[in-house]
Amino acid sequence: MSTVRINDDIKKEVTPILDDLGLSLSEAINIFLHQIKINNGIPFHIKRKGIIELNDGYGSYICEHGHLHDYSKMNFKELEEEAKNNKSYHNVEELMKDLEEE
């Protein structure tokens, strides 16, 4: 038998939840340990919330969902020129007329 130290505050918070599930704290811990064995690691992602800036000089970052937003490969000069050359429309009719002409 092993002894595990558990924060009293978290124990008080989770005990009613486990009671509703019909589990003791000991059973919940054993389930967690079995999941570690089955998953060959912690059975959920452990990561900091928020974005992680990459400091690449382009504003690239990893978002809170773990997706890489890599702006280092973007050609900002090309995007700037494209934005300057974009037409603007005052209403849908102008847009539709221009589309029909193409």
N, C-alpha and C. Protein backbone atom coordinates (compact mmCIF):
# COMPACT_ATOMS: atom_id res chain seq x y z
N MET A 1 0.85 -1.18 0.00
CA MET A 1 0.00 0.00 0.00
C MET A 1 0.89 1.24 0.00
N SER A 2 0.52 2.21 -0.83
CA SER A 2 1.27 3.45 -0.94
C SER A 2 0.49 4.59 -0.33
N THR A 3 1.22 5.61 0.05
CA THR A 3 0.60 6.82 0.57
C THR A 3 0.78 7.93 -0.44
N VAL A 4 -0.29 8.66 -0.71
CA VAL A 4 -0.25 9.78 -1.65
C VAL A 4 -0.72 11.02 -0.92
N ARG A 5 0.03 12.10 -1.04
CA ARG A 5 -0.39 13.36 -0.43
C ARG A 5 -1.27 14.12 -1.42
N ILE A 6 -2.42 14.55 -0.96
CA ILE A 6 -3.36 15.26 -1.80
C ILE A 6 -3.72 16.57 -1.11
N ASN A 7 -3.72 17.63 -1.88
CA ASN A 7 -4.11 18.94 -1.37
C ASN A 7 -5.52 18.86 -0.81
N ASP A 8 -5.71 19.31 0.42
CA ASP A 8 -7.02 19.23 1.08
C ASP A 8 -8.10 19.98 0.31
N ASP A 9 -7.76 21.14 -0.25
CA ASP A 9 -8.77 21.94 -0.97
C ASP A 9 -9.29 21.20 -2.20
N ILE A 10 -8.38 20.63 -2.98
CA ILE A 10 -8.82 19.92 -4.19
C ILE A 10 -9.57 18.65 -3.81
N LYS A 11 -9.14 18.01 -2.73
CA LYS A 11 -9.84 16.80 -2.26
C LYS A 11 -11.29 17.14 -1.91
N LYS A 12 -11.51 18.26 -1.22
CA LYS A 12 -12.87 18.67 -0.86
C LYS A 12 -13.70 18.99 -2.10
N GLU A 13 -13.06 19.55 -3.13
CA GLU A 13 -13.78 19.90 -4.35
C GLU A 13 -14.16 18.69 -5.19
N VAL A 14 -13.26 17.71 -5.28
CA VAL A 14 -13.53 16.56 -6.16
C VAL A 14 -14.31 15.44 -5.50
N THR A 15 -14.28 15.37 -4.19
CA THR A 15 -14.99 14.27 -3.50
C THR A 15 -16.47 14.22 -3.84
N PRO A 16 -17.20 15.34 -3.84
CA PRO A 16 -18.63 15.26 -4.22
C PRO A 16 -18.82 14.81 -5.67
N ILE A 17 -17.92 15.22 -6.54
CA ILE A 17 -18.03 14.80 -7.95
C ILE A 17 -17.82 13.31 -8.06
N LEU A 18 -16.79 12.81 -7.38
CA LEU A 18 -16.52 11.38 -7.41
C LEU A 18 -17.65 10.59 -6.77
N ASP A 19 -18.23 11.13 -5.68
CA ASP A 19 -19.38 10.48 -5.04
C ASP A 19 -20.52 10.33 -6.04
N ASP A 20 -20.80 11.39 -6.81
CA ASP A 20 -21.86 11.33 -7.82
C ASP A 20 -21.58 10.27 -8.87
N LEU A 21 -20.28 10.05 -9.14
CA LEU A 21 -19.89 9.04 -10.13
C LEU A 21 -19.80 7.63 -9.52
N GLY A 22 -19.98 7.56 -8.21
CA GLY A 22 -19.90 6.26 -7.54
C GLY A 22 -18.47 5.79 -7.35
N LEU A 23 -17.54 6.71 -7.29
CA LEU A 23 -16.12 6.36 -7.15
C LEU A 23 -15.55 6.95 -5.87
N SER A 24 -14.64 6.19 -5.29
CA SER A 24 -13.88 6.73 -4.16
C SER A 24 -12.66 7.45 -4.73
N LEU A 25 -12.02 8.25 -3.90
CA LEU A 25 -10.81 8.94 -4.33
C LEU A 25 -9.74 7.93 -4.72
N SER A 26 -9.63 6.87 -3.96
CA SER A 26 -8.65 5.81 -4.24
C SER A 26 -8.92 5.16 -5.59
N GLU A 27 -10.20 4.88 -5.88
CA GLU A 27 -10.56 4.29 -7.18
C GLU A 27 -10.24 5.24 -8.32
N ALA A 28 -10.52 6.53 -8.14
CA ALA A 28 -10.23 7.52 -9.18
C ALA A 28 -8.73 7.60 -9.45
N ILE A 29 -7.94 7.56 -8.41
CA ILE A 29 -6.48 7.59 -8.59
C ILE A 29 -6.01 6.34 -9.32
N ASN A 30 -6.58 5.19 -8.97
CA ASN A 30 -6.20 3.96 -9.66
C ASN A 30 -6.59 3.99 -11.13
N ILE A 31 -7.76 4.57 -11.45
CA ILE A 31 -8.17 4.72 -12.86
C ILE A 31 -7.16 5.60 -13.58
N PHE A 32 -6.79 6.71 -12.96
CA PHE A 32 -5.81 7.61 -13.56
C PHE A 32 -4.49 6.88 -13.83
N LEU A 33 -4.02 6.11 -12.86
CA LEU A 33 -2.75 5.38 -13.03
C LEU A 33 -2.85 4.33 -14.14
N HIS A 34 -4.01 3.65 -14.23
CA HIS A 34 -4.20 2.69 -15.32
C HIS A 34 -4.20 3.39 -16.68
N GLN A 35 -4.78 4.58 -16.76
CA GLN A 35 -4.79 5.33 -18.01
C GLN A 35 -3.37 5.76 -18.40
N ILE A 36 -2.55 6.09 -17.43
CA ILE A 36 -1.14 6.40 -17.72
C ILE A 36 -0.47 5.19 -18.35
N LYS A 37 -0.73 4.01 -17.79
CA LYS A 37 -0.15 2.77 -18.32
C LYS A 37 -0.65 2.50 -19.74
N ILE A 38 -1.96 2.61 -19.96
CA ILE A 38 -2.55 2.34 -21.27
C ILE A 38 -2.05 3.32 -22.32
N ASN A 39 -1.95 4.60 -21.95
CA ASN A 39 -1.54 5.65 -22.88
C ASN A 39 -0.03 5.85 -22.96
N ASN A 40 0.69 5.11 -22.12
CA ASN A 40 2.14 5.26 -22.05
C ASN A 40 2.52 6.72 -21.78
N GLY A 41 1.74 7.36 -20.92
CA GLY A 41 1.97 8.75 -20.56
C GLY A 41 0.71 9.33 -19.95
N ILE A 42 0.77 10.59 -19.63
CA ILE A 42 -0.40 11.27 -19.06
C ILE A 42 -1.53 11.21 -20.09
N PRO A 43 -2.75 10.85 -19.69
CA PRO A 43 -3.84 10.64 -20.66
C PRO A 43 -4.54 11.91 -21.13
N PHE A 44 -3.89 13.05 -21.00
CA PHE A 44 -4.43 14.30 -21.50
C PHE A 44 -3.26 15.24 -21.73
N HIS A 45 -3.51 16.28 -22.54
CA HIS A 45 -2.46 17.23 -22.85
C HIS A 45 -2.22 18.16 -21.67
N ILE A 46 -0.97 18.38 -21.37
CA ILE A 46 -0.61 19.33 -20.34
C ILE A 46 0.14 20.45 -21.04
N LYS A 47 -0.45 21.63 -21.02
CA LYS A 47 0.20 22.76 -21.68
C LYS A 47 -0.27 24.05 -21.06
N ARG A 48 0.50 25.07 -21.26
CA ARG A 48 0.14 26.39 -20.79
C ARG A 48 -0.94 26.96 -21.69
N LYS A 49 -1.83 27.74 -21.10
CA LYS A 49 -2.86 28.40 -21.90
C LYS A 49 -2.26 29.66 -22.51
N GLY A 50 -2.88 30.08 -23.59
CA GLY A 50 -2.43 31.29 -24.25
C GLY A 50 -1.51 30.97 -25.41
N ILE A 51 -0.95 32.01 -25.97
CA ILE A 51 -0.11 31.83 -27.14
C ILE A 51 1.36 31.82 -26.73
N ILE A 52 2.15 31.20 -27.56
CA ILE A 52 3.59 31.17 -27.37
C ILE A 52 4.20 31.90 -28.56
N GLU A 53 4.82 33.04 -28.30
CA GLU A 53 5.43 33.80 -29.38
C GLU A 53 6.76 33.16 -29.75
N LEU A 54 7.04 33.12 -31.05
CA LEU A 54 8.24 32.45 -31.53
C LEU A 54 9.44 33.39 -31.67
N ASN A 55 9.21 34.68 -31.54
CA ASN A 55 10.30 35.66 -31.62
C ASN A 55 11.13 35.50 -32.89
N ASP A 56 10.46 35.29 -34.02
CA ASP A 56 11.15 35.14 -35.29
C ASP A 56 11.21 36.45 -36.07
N GLY A 57 10.69 37.50 -35.47
CA GLY A 57 10.70 38.80 -36.13
C GLY A 57 9.53 39.02 -37.08
N TYR A 58 8.67 38.02 -37.22
CA TYR A 58 7.54 38.11 -38.14
C TYR A 58 6.19 38.06 -37.41
N GLY A 59 6.21 37.89 -36.11
CA GLY A 59 4.98 37.79 -35.35
C GLY A 59 4.40 36.39 -35.33
N SER A 60 5.17 35.38 -35.70
CA SER A 60 4.69 34.00 -35.69
C SER A 60 4.45 33.55 -34.25
N TYR A 61 3.47 32.65 -34.08
CA TYR A 61 3.17 32.16 -32.75
C TYR A 61 2.47 30.81 -32.80
N ILE A 62 2.39 30.16 -31.67
CA ILE A 62 1.60 28.94 -31.51
C ILE A 62 0.40 29.33 -30.66
N CYS A 63 -0.80 29.10 -31.19
CA CYS A 63 -2.01 29.54 -30.48
C CYS A 63 -2.35 28.58 -29.35
N GLU A 64 -3.39 28.93 -28.60
CA GLU A 64 -3.78 28.13 -27.44
C GLU A 64 -4.28 26.75 -27.82
N HIS A 65 -4.59 26.53 -29.12
CA HIS A 65 -5.02 25.21 -29.58
C HIS A 65 -3.86 24.39 -30.12
N GLY A 66 -2.64 24.95 -30.03
CA GLY A 66 -1.46 24.22 -30.47
C GLY A 66 -1.14 24.35 -31.94
N HIS A 67 -1.81 25.23 -32.66
CA HIS A 67 -1.57 25.41 -34.09
C HIS A 67 -0.48 26.45 -34.32
N LEU A 68 0.42 26.16 -35.24
CA LEU A 68 1.48 27.10 -35.60
C LEU A 68 0.96 28.12 -36.58
N HIS A 69 1.14 29.39 -36.27
CA HIS A 69 0.81 30.49 -37.17
C HIS A 69 2.15 31.08 -37.59
N ASP A 70 2.68 30.56 -38.71
CA ASP A 70 4.04 30.88 -39.16
C ASP A 70 3.98 31.97 -40.22
N TYR A 71 4.27 33.18 -39.81
CA TYR A 71 4.25 34.32 -40.72
C TYR A 71 5.61 34.55 -41.38
N SER A 72 6.61 33.76 -41.01
CA SER A 72 7.95 33.96 -41.58
C SER A 72 8.00 33.63 -43.07
N LYS A 73 7.06 32.82 -43.55
CA LYS A 73 7.07 32.41 -44.95
C LYS A 73 6.17 33.29 -45.81
N MET A 74 5.52 34.27 -45.19
CA MET A 74 4.63 35.14 -45.94
C MET A 74 5.41 36.28 -46.58
N ASN A 75 5.03 36.61 -47.78
CA ASN A 75 5.65 37.72 -48.48
C ASN A 75 4.81 38.96 -48.22
N PHE A 76 5.21 39.73 -47.20
CA PHE A 76 4.41 40.88 -46.80
C PHE A 76 4.40 41.98 -47.86
N LYS A 77 5.47 42.12 -48.60
CA LYS A 77 5.50 43.14 -49.67
C LYS A 77 4.47 42.80 -50.74
N GLU A 78 4.40 41.53 -51.09
CA GLU A 78 3.43 41.08 -52.09
C GLU A 78 2.00 41.29 -51.58
N LEU A 79 1.77 40.98 -50.31
CA LEU A 79 0.43 41.17 -49.73
C LEU A 79 0.07 42.65 -49.68
N GLU A 80 1.04 43.49 -49.37
CA GLU A 80 0.81 44.93 -49.32
C GLU A 80 0.44 45.47 -50.70
N GLU A 81 1.16 45.02 -51.74
CA GLU A 81 0.86 45.45 -53.10
C GLU A 81 -0.53 44.96 -53.52
N GLU A 82 -0.85 43.73 -53.18
CA GLU A 82 -2.16 43.18 -53.52
C GLU A 82 -3.27 43.98 -52.84
N ALA A 83 -3.03 44.36 -51.60
CA ALA A 83 -4.04 45.15 -50.87
C ALA A 83 -4.22 46.51 -51.52
N LYS A 84 -3.14 47.11 -51.98
CA LYS A 84 -3.24 48.41 -52.64
C LYS A 84 -4.02 48.32 -53.94
N ASN A 85 -3.87 47.19 -54.65
CA ASN A 85 -4.51 47.02 -55.95
C ASN A 85 -5.94 46.49 -55.85
N ASN A 86 -6.37 46.10 -54.68
CA ASN A 86 -7.72 45.58 -54.52
C ASN A 86 -8.75 46.68 -54.75
N LYS A 87 -9.81 46.29 -55.42
CA LYS A 87 -10.90 47.24 -55.66
C LYS A 87 -11.80 47.26 -54.43
N SER A 88 -12.42 48.37 -54.21
CA SER A 88 -13.42 48.44 -53.14
C SER A 88 -14.76 48.76 -53.77
N TYR A 89 -15.81 48.29 -53.14
CA TYR A 89 -17.16 48.44 -53.66
C TYR A 89 -18.02 49.14 -52.62
N HIS A 90 -18.95 49.94 -53.10
CA HIS A 90 -19.84 50.67 -52.20
C HIS A 90 -21.10 49.87 -51.89
N ASN A 91 -21.38 48.89 -52.77
CA ASN A 91 -22.58 48.06 -52.56
C ASN A 91 -22.43 46.76 -53.35
N VAL A 92 -23.36 45.87 -53.16
CA VAL A 92 -23.32 44.56 -53.80
C VAL A 92 -23.49 44.68 -55.31
N GLU A 93 -24.27 45.63 -55.75
CA GLU A 93 -24.51 45.79 -57.18
C GLU A 93 -23.21 46.10 -57.92
N GLU A 94 -22.38 46.97 -57.35
CA GLU A 94 -21.08 47.28 -57.96
C GLU A 94 -20.22 46.04 -58.06
N LEU A 95 -20.19 45.25 -57.00
CA LEU A 95 -19.42 44.00 -56.98
C LEU A 95 -19.93 43.05 -58.04
N MET A 96 -21.24 42.86 -58.11
CA MET A 96 -21.82 41.92 -59.07
C MET A 96 -21.54 42.36 -60.51
N LYS A 97 -21.61 43.66 -60.78
CA LYS A 97 -21.34 44.18 -62.12
C LYS A 97 -19.90 43.89 -62.51
N ASP A 98 -18.97 44.11 -61.56
CA ASP A 98 -17.55 43.85 -61.83
C ASP A 98 -17.31 42.36 -62.07
N LEU A 99 -17.96 41.50 -61.31
CA LEU A 99 -17.80 40.06 -61.48
C LEU A 99 -18.34 39.61 -62.83
N GLU A 100 -19.44 40.16 -63.27
CA GLU A 100 -20.03 39.81 -64.56
C GLU A 100 -19.13 40.23 -65.70
N GLU A 101 -18.39 41.33 -65.55
CA GLU A 101 -17.50 41.82 -66.59
C GLU A 101 -16.27 40.95 -66.74
N GLU A 102 -15.91 40.27 -65.70
CA GLU A 102 -14.72 39.38 -65.76
C GLU A 102 -15.10 38.14 -66.48
